[in-house]
Amino acid sequence: MILVDSSVWIDYFKGISNRPMETLDHLLSREPLAVGDLILTEVLQGFSHAQAFEEARKVLTSLTVIELGGRDIAVQAARNFRALRDIGITVRKTIDAIIATRCIESGHVLLHNDRDFDPFVQHLGLRVVV
């Protein structure tokens, strides 16, 4: 399963052309895609018009929606955060640690456009769409 991060969805809904957004556009009708519950919130809260909100909601909720957190993921995300900090890497956003950890633990591949995931790839085995 490919989990798509908010960094890609935001570009997609804004019509910003870049490699991750083009990959998403290609995968939408070809691969099973997922969105995390917190990613759903991040993306939808950015819409100022009700019609655009509803259109995006329909697209996003037509995908598999994955619960990102929970007790076990929260604890493992903290472990991953600490492991990276121990080697001198500061994770800037807790939500990124949770998203990366959910993907690592559940075997999901992440499609993103956010360099904050790079340490999770390099040091903790996060798999990403290349």
C-alpha atoms as a PDB file:
ATOM      1  CA  MET A   1       0.000   0.000   0.000  1.00  0.00           C
ATOM      2  CA  ILE A   2       1.256   3.481  -0.858  1.00  0.00           C
ATOM      3  CA  LEU A   3       0.540   6.161   1.733  1.00  0.00           C
ATOM      4  CA  VAL A   4       0.473   9.665   0.242  1.00  0.00           C
ATOM      5  CA  ASP A   5       1.709  12.499   2.441  1.00  0.00           C
ATOM      6  CA  SER A   6       0.057  15.913   2.714  1.00  0.00           C
ATOM      7  CA  SER A   7       3.090  17.479   0.996  1.00  0.00           C
ATOM      8  CA  VAL A   8       1.994  15.748  -2.216  1.00  0.00           C
ATOM      9  CA  TRP A   9      -1.757  16.234  -1.800  1.00  0.00           C
ATOM     10  CA  ILE A  10      -1.362  19.957  -1.216  1.00  0.00           C
ATOM     11  CA  ASP A  11       0.594  20.341  -4.446  1.00  0.00           C
ATOM     12  CA  TYR A  12      -1.945  18.129  -6.230  1.00  0.00           C
ATOM     13  CA  PHE A  13      -4.941  20.234  -5.198  1.00  0.00           C
ATOM     14  CA  LYS A  14      -3.069  23.480  -5.940  1.00  0.00           C
ATOM     15  CA  GLY A  15      -2.091  22.183  -9.386  1.00  0.00           C
ATOM     16  CA  ILE A  16       1.632  22.537  -8.692  1.00  0.00           C
ATOM     17  CA  SER A  17       3.588  20.365 -11.077  1.00  0.00           C
ATOM     18  CA  ASN A  18       6.505  18.436  -9.629  1.00  0.00           C
ATOM     19  CA  ARG A  19       7.719  14.864  -9.729  1.00  0.00           C
ATOM     20  CA  PRO A  20       5.835  13.568  -6.630  1.00  0.00           C
ATOM     21  CA  MET A  21       2.581  15.180  -7.796  1.00  0.00           C
ATOM     22  CA  GLU A  22       3.000  13.701 -11.279  1.00  0.00           C
ATOM     23  CA  THR A  23       3.675  10.311  -9.682  1.00  0.00           C
ATOM     24  CA  LEU A  24       0.465  10.657  -7.663  1.00  0.00           C
ATOM     25  CA  ASP A  25      -1.474  11.605 -10.779  1.00  0.00           C
ATOM     26  CA  HIS A  26      -0.104   8.485 -12.518  1.00  0.00           C
ATOM     27  CA  LEU A  27      -0.848   6.191  -9.551  1.00  0.00           C
ATOM     28  CA  LEU A  28      -4.380   7.394  -8.776  1.00  0.00           C
ATOM     29  CA  SER A  29      -6.115   5.004 -11.142  1.00  0.00           C
ATOM     30  CA  ARG A  30      -3.472   2.261 -11.117  1.00  0.00           C
ATOM     31  CA  GLU A  31      -2.413   1.463  -7.543  1.00  0.00           C
ATOM     32  CA  PRO A  32      -4.149   1.145  -4.189  1.00  0.00           C
ATOM     33  CA  LEU A  33      -3.432   4.387  -2.366  1.00  0.00           C
ATOM     34  CA  ALA A  34      -3.994   5.411   1.216  1.00  0.00           C
ATOM     35  CA  VAL A  35      -4.213   8.609   3.185  1.00  0.00           C
ATOM     36  CA  GLY A  36      -3.561   8.865   6.904  1.00  0.00           C
ATOM     37  CA  ASP A  37      -6.252  10.255   9.163  1.00  0.00           C
ATOM     38  CA  LEU A  38      -3.987  13.089  10.322  1.00  0.00           C
ATOM     39  CA  ILE A  39      -2.927  13.761   6.731  1.00  0.00           C
ATOM     40  CA  LEU A  40      -6.614  13.996   5.819  1.00  0.00           C
ATOM     41  CA  THR A  41      -6.996  16.685   8.487  1.00  0.00           C
ATOM     42  CA  GLU A  42      -3.862  18.558   7.374  1.00  0.00           C
ATOM     43  CA  VAL A  43      -5.002  18.721   3.769  1.00  0.00           C
ATOM     44  CA  LEU A  44      -8.685  19.497   4.321  1.00  0.00           C
ATOM     45  CA  GLN A  45      -8.084  22.267   6.841  1.00  0.00           C
ATOM     46  CA  GLY A  46      -6.289  24.242   4.133  1.00  0.00           C
ATOM     47  CA  PHE A  47      -9.383  24.800   1.971  1.00  0.00           C
ATOM     48  CA  SER A  48     -11.121  28.128   2.411  1.00  0.00           C
ATOM     49  CA  HIS A  49     -14.090  27.432   0.122  1.00  0.00           C
ATOM     50  CA  ALA A  50     -16.740  24.850   0.952  1.00  0.00           C
ATOM     51  CA  GLN A  51     -17.008  23.500  -2.601  1.00  0.00           C
ATOM     52  CA  ALA A  52     -13.251  22.858  -2.905  1.00  0.00           C
ATOM     53  CA  PHE A  53     -13.274  21.289   0.577  1.00  0.00           C
ATOM     54  CA  GLU A  54     -16.069  18.885  -0.446  1.00  0.00           C
ATOM     55  CA  GLU A  55     -14.387  17.939  -3.719  1.00  0.00           C
ATOM     56  CA  ALA A  56     -11.117  17.191  -1.923  1.00  0.00           C
ATOM     57  CA  ARG A  57     -12.949  15.316   0.836  1.00  0.00           C
ATOM     58  CA  LYS A  58     -14.597  13.066  -1.739  1.00  0.00           C
ATOM     59  CA  VAL A  59     -11.284  12.288  -3.440  1.00  0.00           C
ATOM     60  CA  LEU A  60      -9.417  11.637  -0.198  1.00  0.00           C
ATOM     61  CA  THR A  61     -12.093   9.581   1.531  1.00  0.00           C
ATOM     62  CA  SER A  62     -12.479   7.382  -1.553  1.00  0.00           C
ATOM     63  CA  LEU A  63      -9.031   6.030  -0.671  1.00  0.00           C
ATOM     64  CA  THR A  64      -8.138   3.739   2.201  1.00  0.00           C
ATOM     65  CA  VAL A  65      -7.906   5.905   5.322  1.00  0.00           C
ATOM     66  CA  ILE A  66      -5.280   4.642   7.762  1.00  0.00           C
ATOM     67  CA  GLU A  67      -5.185   5.446  11.459  1.00  0.00           C
ATOM     68  CA  LEU A  68      -1.672   6.762  11.882  1.00  0.00           C
ATOM     69  CA  GLY A  69      -1.331   6.791  15.657  1.00  0.00           C
ATOM     70  CA  GLY A  70      -2.336   4.633  18.546  1.00  0.00           C
ATOM     71  CA  ARG A  71      -0.358   3.626  21.606  1.00  0.00           C
ATOM     72  CA  ASP A  72       2.167   1.318  19.960  1.00  0.00           C
ATOM     73  CA  ILE A  73       2.944   3.696  17.087  1.00  0.00           C
ATOM     74  CA  ALA A  74       3.222   6.623  19.503  1.00  0.00           C
ATOM     75  CA  VAL A  75       5.803   4.771  21.582  1.00  0.00           C
ATOM     76  CA  GLN A  76       7.754   3.576  18.531  1.00  0.00           C
ATOM     77  CA  ALA A  77       7.662   7.071  16.977  1.00  0.00           C
ATOM     78  CA  ALA A  78       9.229   8.413  20.175  1.00  0.00           C
ATOM     79  CA  ARG A  79      11.890   5.698  19.956  1.00  0.00           C
ATOM     80  CA  ASN A  80      12.587   6.612  16.335  1.00  0.00           C
ATOM     81  CA  PHE A  81      12.729  10.317  17.224  1.00  0.00           C
ATOM     82  CA  ARG A  82      15.244   9.564  19.995  1.00  0.00           C
ATOM     83  CA  ALA A  83      17.323   7.272  17.754  1.00  0.00           C
ATOM     84  CA  LEU A  84      17.686  10.027  15.170  1.00  0.00           C
ATOM     85  CA  ARG A  85      18.430  12.622  17.837  1.00  0.00           C
ATOM     86  CA  ASP A  86      21.144  10.337  19.234  1.00  0.00           C
ATOM     87  CA  ILE A  87      22.954  10.522  15.889  1.00  0.00           C
ATOM     88  CA  GLY A  88      22.566  14.290  15.659  1.00  0.00           C
ATOM     89  CA  ILE A  89      19.395  14.566  13.568  1.00  0.00           C
ATOM     90  CA  THR A  90      16.533  16.717  14.809  1.00  0.00           C
ATOM     91  CA  VAL A  91      13.083  15.692  13.611  1.00  0.00           C
ATOM     92  CA  ARG A  92      11.247  18.970  13.142  1.00  0.00           C
ATOM     93  CA  LYS A  93       7.656  17.720  13.217  1.00  0.00           C
ATOM     94  CA  THR A  94       6.163  15.084  15.470  1.00  0.00           C
ATOM     95  CA  ILE A  95       3.562  14.233  12.825  1.00  0.00           C
ATOM     96  CA  ASP A  96       6.350  13.289  10.403  1.00  0.00           C
ATOM     97  CA  ALA A  97       7.785  10.895  12.986  1.00  0.00           C
ATOM     98  CA  ILE A  98       4.325   9.340  13.386  1.00  0.00           C
ATOM     99  CA  ILE A  99       3.744   9.045   9.616  1.00  0.00           C
ATOM    100  CA  ALA A 100       7.191   7.548   9.000  1.00  0.00           C
ATOM    101  CA  THR A 101       6.825   5.139  11.909  1.00  0.00           C
ATOM    102  CA  ARG A 102       3.383   3.948  10.774  1.00  0.00           C
ATOM    103  CA  CYS A 103       4.803   3.256   7.325  1.00  0.00           C
ATOM    104  CA  ILE A 104       7.854   1.452   8.695  1.00  0.00           C
ATOM    105  CA  GLU A 105       5.840  -0.678  11.120  1.00  0.00           C
ATOM    106  CA  SER A 106       3.026  -1.505   8.670  1.00  0.00           C
ATOM    107  CA  GLY A 107       5.157  -1.992   5.569  1.00  0.00           C
ATOM    108  CA  HIS A 108       3.582   0.910   3.679  1.00  0.00           C
ATOM    109  CA  VAL A 109       5.548   2.830   1.056  1.00  0.00           C
ATOM    110  CA  LEU A 110       5.434   6.619   1.422  1.00  0.00           C
ATOM    111  CA  LEU A 111       4.974   9.075  -1.434  1.00  0.00           C
ATOM    112  CA  HIS A 112       6.129  12.480  -0.205  1.00  0.00           C
ATOM    113  CA  ASN A 113       7.703  15.774  -1.147  1.00  0.00           C
ATOM    114  CA  ASP A 114       9.255  16.616   2.225  1.00  0.00           C
ATOM    115  CA  ARG A 115      12.959  16.329   3.049  1.00  0.00           C
ATOM    116  CA  ASP A 116      12.061  15.737   6.707  1.00  0.00           C
ATOM    117  CA  PHE A 117      11.468  12.077   5.815  1.00  0.00           C
ATOM    118  CA  ASP A 118      15.000  11.589   4.472  1.00  0.00           C
ATOM    119  CA  PRO A 119      16.552  10.573   7.837  1.00  0.00           C
ATOM    120  CA  PHE A 120      13.853   7.929   8.276  1.00  0.00           C
ATOM    121  CA  VAL A 121      14.815   6.518   4.875  1.00  0.00           C
ATOM    122  CA  GLN A 122      18.567   6.704   5.480  1.00  0.00           C
ATOM    123  CA  HIS A 123      18.651   5.393   9.052  1.00  0.00           C
ATOM    124  CA  LEU A 124      15.404   3.608   9.908  1.00  0.00           C
ATOM    125  CA  GLY A 125      14.328   1.781   6.767  1.00  0.00           C
ATOM    126  CA  LEU A 126      11.389   3.894   5.604  1.00  0.00           C
ATOM    127  CA  ARG A 127      10.510   2.859   2.048  1.00  0.00           C
ATOM    128  CA  VAL A 128       9.496   5.622  -0.340  1.00  0.00           C
ATOM    129  CA  VAL A 129       8.287   5.933  -3.917  1.00  0.00           C
ATOM    130  CA  VAL A 130      11.285   6.977  -5.971  1.00  0.00           C
END
